[in-house]
């Protein structure tokens, strides 16, 4: 089974608003369905567009938990994130640059 989690955050109405993240998700979704054979019922799309579920911290984690719990050996999983990111100091020494990368939900 092919499963996907697609997250696009434009931060509508907020400082640092972006303009292309929703388009990124729409393009990736079309590509996955039309070229790679993903089925819509096996895809979770989170966007701050007033149509899809908002990509909050909790919803993003729930989507990741869904894909982990439902997937089995041999399945294909695609995770796409388009939005702001950041970095925090590495707290366990596993990063060569001393920083962990972060996602910034709405």
C-alpha atoms as a PDB file:
ATOM      1  CA  UNK A   1       0.000   0.000   0.000  1.00  0.00           C
ATOM      2  CA  UNK A   2       1.169   3.512  -0.795  1.00  0.00           C
ATOM      3  CA  UNK A   3       0.499   6.115   1.900  1.00  0.00           C
ATOM      4  CA  UNK A   4       1.315   9.818   2.121  1.00  0.00           C
ATOM      5  CA  UNK A   5       1.229  12.683   4.577  1.00  0.00           C
ATOM      6  CA  UNK A   6       1.288  16.086   2.865  1.00  0.00           C
ATOM      7  CA  UNK A   7       1.654  19.296   4.869  1.00  0.00           C
ATOM      8  CA  UNK A   8       1.525  22.798   3.388  1.00  0.00           C
ATOM      9  CA  UNK A   9       1.578  25.872   5.605  1.00  0.00           C
ATOM     10  CA  UNK A  10       1.406  29.387   4.174  1.00  0.00           C
ATOM     11  CA  UNK A  11       0.859  30.939   7.657  1.00  0.00           C
ATOM     12  CA  UNK A  12      -2.110  32.873   6.287  1.00  0.00           C
ATOM     13  CA  UNK A  13      -2.513  36.240   8.008  1.00  0.00           C
ATOM     14  CA  UNK A  14       0.623  35.809  10.112  1.00  0.00           C
ATOM     15  CA  UNK A  15       3.970  37.555  10.063  1.00  0.00           C
ATOM     16  CA  UNK A  16       6.236  35.588   7.745  1.00  0.00           C
ATOM     17  CA  UNK A  17       3.338  34.511   5.506  1.00  0.00           C
ATOM     18  CA  UNK A  18       4.423  32.309   2.606  1.00  0.00           C
ATOM     19  CA  UNK A  19       2.727  31.997  -0.781  1.00  0.00           C
ATOM     20  CA  UNK A  20       3.696  28.696  -2.414  1.00  0.00           C
ATOM     21  CA  UNK A  21       3.274  25.958   0.160  1.00  0.00           C
ATOM     22  CA  UNK A  22      -0.324  25.100  -0.771  1.00  0.00           C
ATOM     23  CA  UNK A  23       0.686  24.859  -4.428  1.00  0.00           C
ATOM     24  CA  UNK A  24       3.579  22.572  -3.459  1.00  0.00           C
ATOM     25  CA  UNK A  25       1.161  20.186  -1.738  1.00  0.00           C
ATOM     26  CA  UNK A  26      -1.333  20.281  -4.631  1.00  0.00           C
ATOM     27  CA  UNK A  27       1.449  19.526  -7.126  1.00  0.00           C
ATOM     28  CA  UNK A  28       2.901  16.696  -5.038  1.00  0.00           C
ATOM     29  CA  UNK A  29      -0.575  15.236  -4.497  1.00  0.00           C
ATOM     30  CA  UNK A  30      -1.276  15.245  -8.230  1.00  0.00           C
ATOM     31  CA  UNK A  31       2.121  13.688  -8.962  1.00  0.00           C
ATOM     32  CA  UNK A  32       1.648  10.950  -6.377  1.00  0.00           C
ATOM     33  CA  UNK A  33      -1.821  10.078  -7.653  1.00  0.00           C
ATOM     34  CA  UNK A  34      -1.278  10.428 -11.402  1.00  0.00           C
ATOM     35  CA  UNK A  35       2.295   9.166 -11.737  1.00  0.00           C
ATOM     36  CA  UNK A  36       2.971   7.010  -8.683  1.00  0.00           C
ATOM     37  CA  UNK A  37      -0.468   5.436  -8.208  1.00  0.00           C
ATOM     38  CA  UNK A  38      -1.255   6.693  -4.696  1.00  0.00           C
ATOM     39  CA  UNK A  39      -4.954   6.572  -3.769  1.00  0.00           C
ATOM     40  CA  UNK A  40      -6.592   9.618  -2.121  1.00  0.00           C
ATOM     41  CA  UNK A  41      -7.995   7.505   0.729  1.00  0.00           C
ATOM     42  CA  UNK A  42      -4.411   6.619   1.700  1.00  0.00           C
ATOM     43  CA  UNK A  43      -3.262  10.235   1.843  1.00  0.00           C
ATOM     44  CA  UNK A  44      -3.604  12.803   4.625  1.00  0.00           C
ATOM     45  CA  UNK A  45      -3.407  16.430   3.532  1.00  0.00           C
ATOM     46  CA  UNK A  46      -3.021  19.210   6.089  1.00  0.00           C
ATOM     47  CA  UNK A  47      -3.095  22.846   4.919  1.00  0.00           C
ATOM     48  CA  UNK A  48      -4.040  26.210   6.402  1.00  0.00           C
ATOM     49  CA  UNK A  49      -6.306  26.969   3.470  1.00  0.00           C
ATOM     50  CA  UNK A  50      -9.711  26.833   5.177  1.00  0.00           C
ATOM     51  CA  UNK A  51     -10.584  23.634   3.278  1.00  0.00           C
ATOM     52  CA  UNK A  52      -8.315  20.954   4.746  1.00  0.00           C
ATOM     53  CA  UNK A  53      -7.584  20.243   8.385  1.00  0.00           C
ATOM     54  CA  UNK A  54      -5.239  22.847   9.836  1.00  0.00           C
ATOM     55  CA  UNK A  55      -1.628  21.651  10.186  1.00  0.00           C
ATOM     56  CA  UNK A  56      -1.353  22.071  13.940  1.00  0.00           C
ATOM     57  CA  UNK A  57       1.288  20.347  16.028  1.00  0.00           C
ATOM     58  CA  UNK A  58      -1.239  17.745  17.214  1.00  0.00           C
ATOM     59  CA  UNK A  59      -2.653  17.039  13.741  1.00  0.00           C
ATOM     60  CA  UNK A  60       0.807  16.649  12.209  1.00  0.00           C
ATOM     61  CA  UNK A  61       1.776  14.184  14.942  1.00  0.00           C
ATOM     62  CA  UNK A  62      -1.522  12.306  14.484  1.00  0.00           C
ATOM     63  CA  UNK A  63      -0.860  12.043  10.747  1.00  0.00           C
ATOM     64  CA  UNK A  64       2.649  10.701  11.386  1.00  0.00           C
ATOM     65  CA  UNK A  65       1.241   8.218  13.911  1.00  0.00           C
ATOM     66  CA  UNK A  66      -1.393   7.095  11.381  1.00  0.00           C
ATOM     67  CA  UNK A  67       1.194   6.415   8.674  1.00  0.00           C
ATOM     68  CA  UNK A  68       3.449   4.541  11.106  1.00  0.00           C
ATOM     69  CA  UNK A  69       0.619   2.459  12.586  1.00  0.00           C
ATOM     70  CA  UNK A  70      -0.977   1.574   9.234  1.00  0.00           C
ATOM     71  CA  UNK A  71       2.164   0.838   7.233  1.00  0.00           C
ATOM     72  CA  UNK A  72       3.768  -2.570   6.974  1.00  0.00           C
ATOM     73  CA  UNK A  73       6.978  -3.941   5.514  1.00  0.00           C
ATOM     74  CA  UNK A  74       6.937  -3.438   1.742  1.00  0.00           C
ATOM     75  CA  UNK A  75       4.591  -0.433   1.814  1.00  0.00           C
ATOM     76  CA  UNK A  76       5.609   2.912   0.337  1.00  0.00           C
ATOM     77  CA  UNK A  77       5.443   6.022   2.521  1.00  0.00           C
ATOM     78  CA  UNK A  78       5.832   9.586   1.261  1.00  0.00           C
ATOM     79  CA  UNK A  79       6.118  12.513   3.687  1.00  0.00           C
ATOM     80  CA  UNK A  80       6.055  16.044   2.265  1.00  0.00           C
ATOM     81  CA  UNK A  81       6.410  19.248   4.288  1.00  0.00           C
ATOM     82  CA  UNK A  82       6.304  22.741   2.843  1.00  0.00           C
ATOM     83  CA  UNK A  83       6.471  25.571   5.362  1.00  0.00           C
ATOM     84  CA  UNK A  84       8.825  27.307   7.750  1.00  0.00           C
ATOM     85  CA  UNK A  85      11.480  25.365   9.583  1.00  0.00           C
ATOM     86  CA  UNK A  86      13.977  26.172  12.241  1.00  0.00           C
ATOM     87  CA  UNK A  87      16.679  24.695  14.365  1.00  0.00           C
ATOM     88  CA  UNK A  88      17.366  24.154  18.040  1.00  0.00           C
ATOM     89  CA  UNK A  89      20.481  23.053  19.848  1.00  0.00           C
ATOM     90  CA  UNK A  90      21.096  19.333  19.561  1.00  0.00           C
ATOM     91  CA  UNK A  91      20.317  17.795  22.944  1.00  0.00           C
ATOM     92  CA  UNK A  92      21.822  14.334  22.446  1.00  0.00           C
ATOM     93  CA  UNK A  93      24.958  14.805  20.321  1.00  0.00           C
ATOM     94  CA  UNK A  94      23.726  13.044  17.166  1.00  0.00           C
ATOM     95  CA  UNK A  95      24.048  16.055  14.844  1.00  0.00           C
ATOM     96  CA  UNK A  96      27.390  16.993  13.265  1.00  0.00           C
ATOM     97  CA  UNK A  97      26.432  20.677  13.138  1.00  0.00           C
ATOM     98  CA  UNK A  98      25.181  20.762  16.745  1.00  0.00           C
ATOM     99  CA  UNK A  99      21.561  21.526  15.788  1.00  0.00           C
ATOM    100  CA  UNK A 100      18.310  19.607  15.341  1.00  0.00           C
ATOM    101  CA  UNK A 101      16.015  20.779  12.546  1.00  0.00           C
ATOM    102  CA  UNK A 102      12.385  21.613  13.356  1.00  0.00           C
ATOM    103  CA  UNK A 103       9.033  22.023  11.608  1.00  0.00           C
ATOM    104  CA  UNK A 104       6.919  25.061  12.491  1.00  0.00           C
ATOM    105  CA  UNK A 105       3.183  24.230  12.590  1.00  0.00           C
ATOM    106  CA  UNK A 106       0.364  26.775  12.766  1.00  0.00           C
END
